[in-house]
Protein backbone atom coordinates (compact mmCIF):
# COMPACT_ATOMS: atom_id res chain seq x y z
CA MET A 1 44.35 -26.24 3.73
CA ALA A 2 43.40 -22.73 3.93
CA VAL A 3 39.74 -21.99 3.60
CA GLN A 4 38.95 -19.42 0.91
CA ILE A 5 36.77 -16.89 2.52
CA TRP A 6 36.06 -14.65 -0.48
CA ASP A 7 35.61 -15.96 -4.28
CA TRP A 8 35.88 -12.99 -6.74
CA SER A 9 34.32 -15.44 -9.45
CA SER A 10 31.09 -16.05 -7.10
CA ALA A 11 30.84 -12.35 -6.52
CA ALA A 12 31.00 -11.62 -10.33
CA GLU A 13 28.34 -14.17 -10.80
CA ALA A 14 26.09 -12.65 -8.12
CA MET A 15 26.70 -9.28 -9.45
CA PRO A 16 24.24 -9.00 -12.24
CA LEU A 17 21.41 -10.70 -10.28
CA LEU A 18 22.00 -8.34 -7.48
CA ALA A 19 22.11 -5.26 -9.69
CA GLU A 20 18.62 -6.39 -11.18
CA ALA A 21 17.25 -6.86 -7.63
CA SER A 22 18.64 -3.46 -6.61
CA ILE A 23 16.08 -1.98 -9.13
CA ILE A 24 13.29 -3.55 -7.04
CA THR A 25 14.80 -2.09 -3.81
CA LEU A 26 14.99 1.16 -5.36
CA GLN A 27 11.47 1.24 -6.54
CA ALA A 28 10.13 0.13 -3.34
CA THR A 29 12.14 2.88 -1.53
CA VAL A 30 11.19 5.57 -3.84
CA LEU A 31 7.63 4.95 -4.07
CA GLY A 32 7.19 4.09 -0.46
CA PHE A 33 8.90 7.33 0.41
CA LEU A 34 6.83 9.46 -1.83
CA MET A 35 3.56 7.90 -0.39
CA ALA A 36 5.03 8.49 3.03
CA LEU A 37 5.75 12.24 2.26
CA ILE A 38 1.95 12.56 0.98
CA VAL A 39 0.18 10.50 3.68
CA GLY A 40 2.58 12.14 6.57
CA LEU A 41 1.35 15.56 5.43
CA MET A 42 -2.26 14.51 5.16
CA PHE A 43 -1.99 13.13 8.61
CA ALA A 44 -0.33 16.37 9.96
CA ILE A 45 -3.01 18.58 8.54
CA GLY A 46 -5.73 16.29 9.92
CA ARG A 47 -4.29 16.37 13.46
CA MET A 48 -3.94 20.27 13.31
CA ALA A 49 -6.43 21.79 11.16
CA GLY A 50 -9.55 19.39 11.23
CA PRO A 51 -12.55 19.10 13.43
CA THR A 52 -12.21 17.47 17.01
CA TRP A 53 -13.26 14.02 15.79
CA LEU A 54 -11.00 14.13 12.61
CA ARG A 55 -7.93 15.07 14.76
CA LEU A 56 -8.80 12.24 17.44
CA ALA A 57 -9.46 9.71 14.64
CA VAL A 58 -6.08 10.46 12.77
CA GLY A 59 -4.18 10.77 15.92
CA GLY A 60 -5.43 7.28 16.90
CA VAL A 61 -4.32 6.05 13.36
CA VAL A 62 -1.16 7.52 13.57
CA GLU A 63 -0.39 6.08 17.08
CA PHE A 64 -1.55 2.70 16.04
CA ILE A 65 0.76 2.60 13.16
CA ARG A 66 3.77 3.90 14.94
CA SER A 67 3.07 1.18 17.87
CA THR A 68 2.86 -1.86 15.76
CA PRO A 69 5.92 -3.57 13.96
CA LEU A 70 6.25 -2.80 10.16
CA LEU A 71 6.56 -6.67 9.60
CA ILE A 72 3.37 -7.14 11.28
CA GLN A 73 1.60 -4.42 9.00
CA ILE A 74 3.33 -6.14 5.84
CA PHE A 75 1.66 -9.48 6.79
CA PHE A 76 -1.69 -7.95 7.79
CA LEU A 77 -1.86 -6.08 4.55
CA TYR A 78 -0.83 -9.15 2.43
CA TYR A 79 -2.59 -12.02 4.29
CA VAL A 80 -5.54 -10.53 6.24
CA MET A 81 -6.93 -7.74 3.86
CA PRO A 82 -8.02 -10.03 1.04
CA GLU A 83 -10.41 -11.45 3.62
CA PHE A 84 -12.00 -7.97 3.49
CA GLY A 85 -11.94 -7.79 -0.33
CA LEU A 86 -8.43 -5.91 -0.91
CA THR A 87 -6.18 -8.12 -2.58
CA LEU A 88 -2.84 -6.62 -3.93
CA ASP A 89 0.18 -8.10 -5.49
CA ALA A 90 3.39 -8.40 -3.46
CA MET A 91 5.10 -5.29 -4.60
CA PRO A 92 2.13 -2.86 -4.15
CA THR A 93 1.51 -4.26 -0.71
CA GLY A 94 5.07 -3.73 0.20
CA VAL A 95 5.08 0.07 -1.08
CA LEU A 96 1.78 0.69 0.72
CA ALA A 97 3.07 -0.96 3.92
CA LEU A 98 6.19 1.30 3.76
CA GLY A 99 4.22 4.36 2.76
CA LEU A 100 1.87 4.25 5.76
CA HIS A 101 4.35 3.26 8.39
CA TYR A 102 6.78 5.75 7.69
CA GLY A 103 3.88 8.40 6.82
CA ALA A 104 2.96 8.08 10.37
CA TYR A 105 6.41 8.99 11.32
CA CYS A 106 6.67 11.89 8.78
CA SER A 107 3.45 13.37 10.10
CA GLU A 108 5.18 14.00 13.32
CA VAL A 109 8.02 15.78 11.66
CA TYR A 110 5.61 17.79 9.50
CA ARG A 111 3.75 18.91 12.55
CA ALA A 112 6.72 20.19 14.29
CA GLY A 113 7.54 22.22 11.12
CA LEU A 114 4.15 23.61 10.89
CA ALA A 115 3.96 24.29 14.65
CA ASN A 116 7.21 26.25 14.14
CA VAL A 117 5.74 28.71 11.78
CA PRO A 118 4.75 32.00 13.80
CA LYS A 119 0.93 32.43 13.84
CA GLY A 120 1.48 36.03 12.66
CA GLN A 121 2.09 34.53 9.34
CA TRP A 122 -1.56 33.33 9.28
CA GLU A 123 -2.74 36.51 10.44
CA ALA A 124 -1.01 38.58 7.88
CA SER A 125 -2.10 36.20 5.14
CA VAL A 126 -5.71 36.84 6.30
CA ALA A 127 -5.10 40.72 6.19
CA LEU A 128 -4.04 40.46 2.66
CA ASN A 129 -7.12 38.40 1.84
CA LEU A 130 -5.45 35.38 0.81
CA SER A 131 -7.40 32.15 0.60
CA PRO A 132 -6.45 29.32 3.40
CA TRP A 133 -5.19 27.06 0.36
CA THR A 134 -3.12 29.93 -0.85
CA THR A 135 -1.72 30.72 2.38
CA PHE A 136 -0.93 27.29 3.20
CA LYS A 137 0.66 26.49 -0.16
CA ASP A 138 2.63 29.57 -0.72
CA VAL A 139 3.34 31.04 2.82
CA ILE A 140 3.23 28.23 5.38
CA LEU A 141 4.69 25.21 3.79
CA PRO A 142 7.68 27.19 2.25
CA GLN A 143 8.76 28.10 5.78
CA ALA A 144 7.91 25.03 7.45
CA ILE A 145 9.52 22.48 5.22
CA PRO A 146 13.26 23.56 4.96
CA PRO A 147 13.69 22.86 8.75
CA VAL A 148 12.47 19.37 8.76
CA VAL A 149 14.25 18.18 5.68
CA PRO A 150 17.12 16.47 7.53
CA ALA A 151 14.59 14.45 9.64
CA LEU A 152 12.67 13.47 6.56
CA GLY A 153 15.89 12.46 5.12
CA ASN A 154 16.62 10.26 8.18
CA TYR A 155 13.58 8.46 7.33
CA LEU A 156 14.27 7.94 3.77
CA VAL A 157 17.40 6.21 4.69
CA ALA A 158 15.53 4.31 7.41
CA LEU A 159 13.02 3.29 5.01
CA PHE A 160 15.58 1.94 2.42
CA LYS A 161 17.09 -0.23 5.33
CA GLU A 162 13.79 -1.82 5.76
CA THR A 163 13.14 -3.16 2.38
CA PRO A 164 14.60 -6.45 3.33
CA LEU A 165 11.42 -7.07 5.12
CA LEU A 166 9.56 -7.39 2.04
CA SER A 167 11.17 -10.65 1.26
CA VAL A 168 8.65 -12.30 3.68
CA ILE A 169 5.95 -11.57 1.11
CA ALA A 170 8.17 -13.04 -1.88
CA VAL A 171 9.23 -9.36 -3.09
CA LEU A 172 12.48 -10.18 -4.82
CA GLU A 173 14.39 -7.26 -3.41
CA LEU A 174 18.33 -7.24 -2.67
CA MET A 175 18.34 -9.41 0.52
CA GLN A 176 15.71 -12.00 -0.60
CA THR A 177 18.01 -12.36 -4.01
CA ALA A 178 21.23 -12.89 -2.01
CA LYS A 179 19.64 -15.32 0.20
CA ILE A 180 18.44 -17.40 -3.07
CA ILE A 181 22.07 -16.95 -4.55
CA GLY A 182 23.50 -18.33 -1.33
CA SER A 183 21.09 -21.36 -1.13
CA GLU A 184 21.89 -22.36 -4.77
CA THR A 185 25.80 -21.88 -4.55
CA PHE A 186 26.30 -22.48 -0.72
CA ARG A 187 28.30 -19.32 -0.69
CA TYR A 188 26.72 -16.62 1.28
CA VAL A 189 29.83 -14.25 2.00
CA GLU A 190 29.82 -12.71 -1.38
CA PRO A 191 26.17 -11.98 -1.99
CA ILE A 192 25.58 -10.86 1.45
CA THR A 193 28.61 -8.63 1.48
CA LEU A 194 27.81 -6.99 -1.70
CA VAL A 195 24.28 -6.25 -0.42
CA GLY A 196 25.59 -4.83 2.55
CA ALA A 197 27.88 -2.66 0.38
CA PHE A 198 24.92 -1.57 -1.86
CA PHE A 199 22.97 -0.44 1.12
CA LEU A 200 25.97 1.48 2.60
CA VAL A 201 26.73 3.30 -0.80
CA PHE A 202 22.96 4.18 -1.36
CA SER A 203 22.62 5.35 2.21
CA LEU A 204 25.84 7.76 1.77
CA ILE A 205 24.51 9.06 -1.37
CA SER A 206 21.17 9.76 -0.08
CA ALA A 207 22.67 11.71 2.74
CA ALA A 208 24.81 13.90 0.56
CA LEU A 209 21.71 14.48 -1.58
CA ILE A 210 19.61 15.46 1.39
CA ARG A 211 22.38 17.84 2.54
CA ARG A 212 22.46 19.57 -0.60
CA VAL A 213 18.55 19.86 -0.67
CA GLU A 214 18.77 21.49 2.60
CA LEU A 215 21.44 23.63 1.52
CA HIS A 216 19.54 24.90 -1.56
CA LEU A 217 16.14 25.16 0.43
CA ASN A 218 18.13 27.32 3.09
CA SER A 219 19.72 29.37 0.35
CA ARG A 220 16.23 30.16 -1.11
CA MET A 221 14.91 31.17 2.24
CA GLY A 222 17.70 33.35 2.87
CA ARG A 223 17.40 35.09 -0.48
CA ARG A 224 13.63 35.69 0.26
CA THR A 225 14.31 37.15 3.69
């Protein structure tokens, strides 16, 4: 008797639940990446423009975060931090962990972009009597960001693929939902395959959007020059 590997009815039953869980996955991805972009920029500025003590402190924090597994950081924030008075629900904890972890990596990307801007740009801005904030916002950042967009985009896709780790603190994202469906129906092929397809499609769409953003920023820079 032939074994039925794929059951379309099981896949159809799993699809609505996985579609609902995909919203949680996308929320964690978008919020975590937005936090990573902001935290990463703050880390980069602290390491490049702050006083010596701040540079050393921020550098230590960045290296510590980069050198420890994301899974351990998720456990620490969810189970250990309440001992120090910081208690968060599972979803905010997951977003915080993703944002801090990838913020540390994004900071190195930002640093590379900022260091690539010629020092003459700062000197010209001083000669024009521009404030440091205006110089940074209107002169330096527009030149530093476009070259590093592909690297930041890679971290977006990587962060998205790390969201299944949030299942360890009971966030009902895609992978956790697929495992629950499998345990209830005793069929894992359909839900796991659908999750893999979702991750593939999202990654391809993200790569295409990142490429469009890169081309748009480069075209704007070309028009300015």
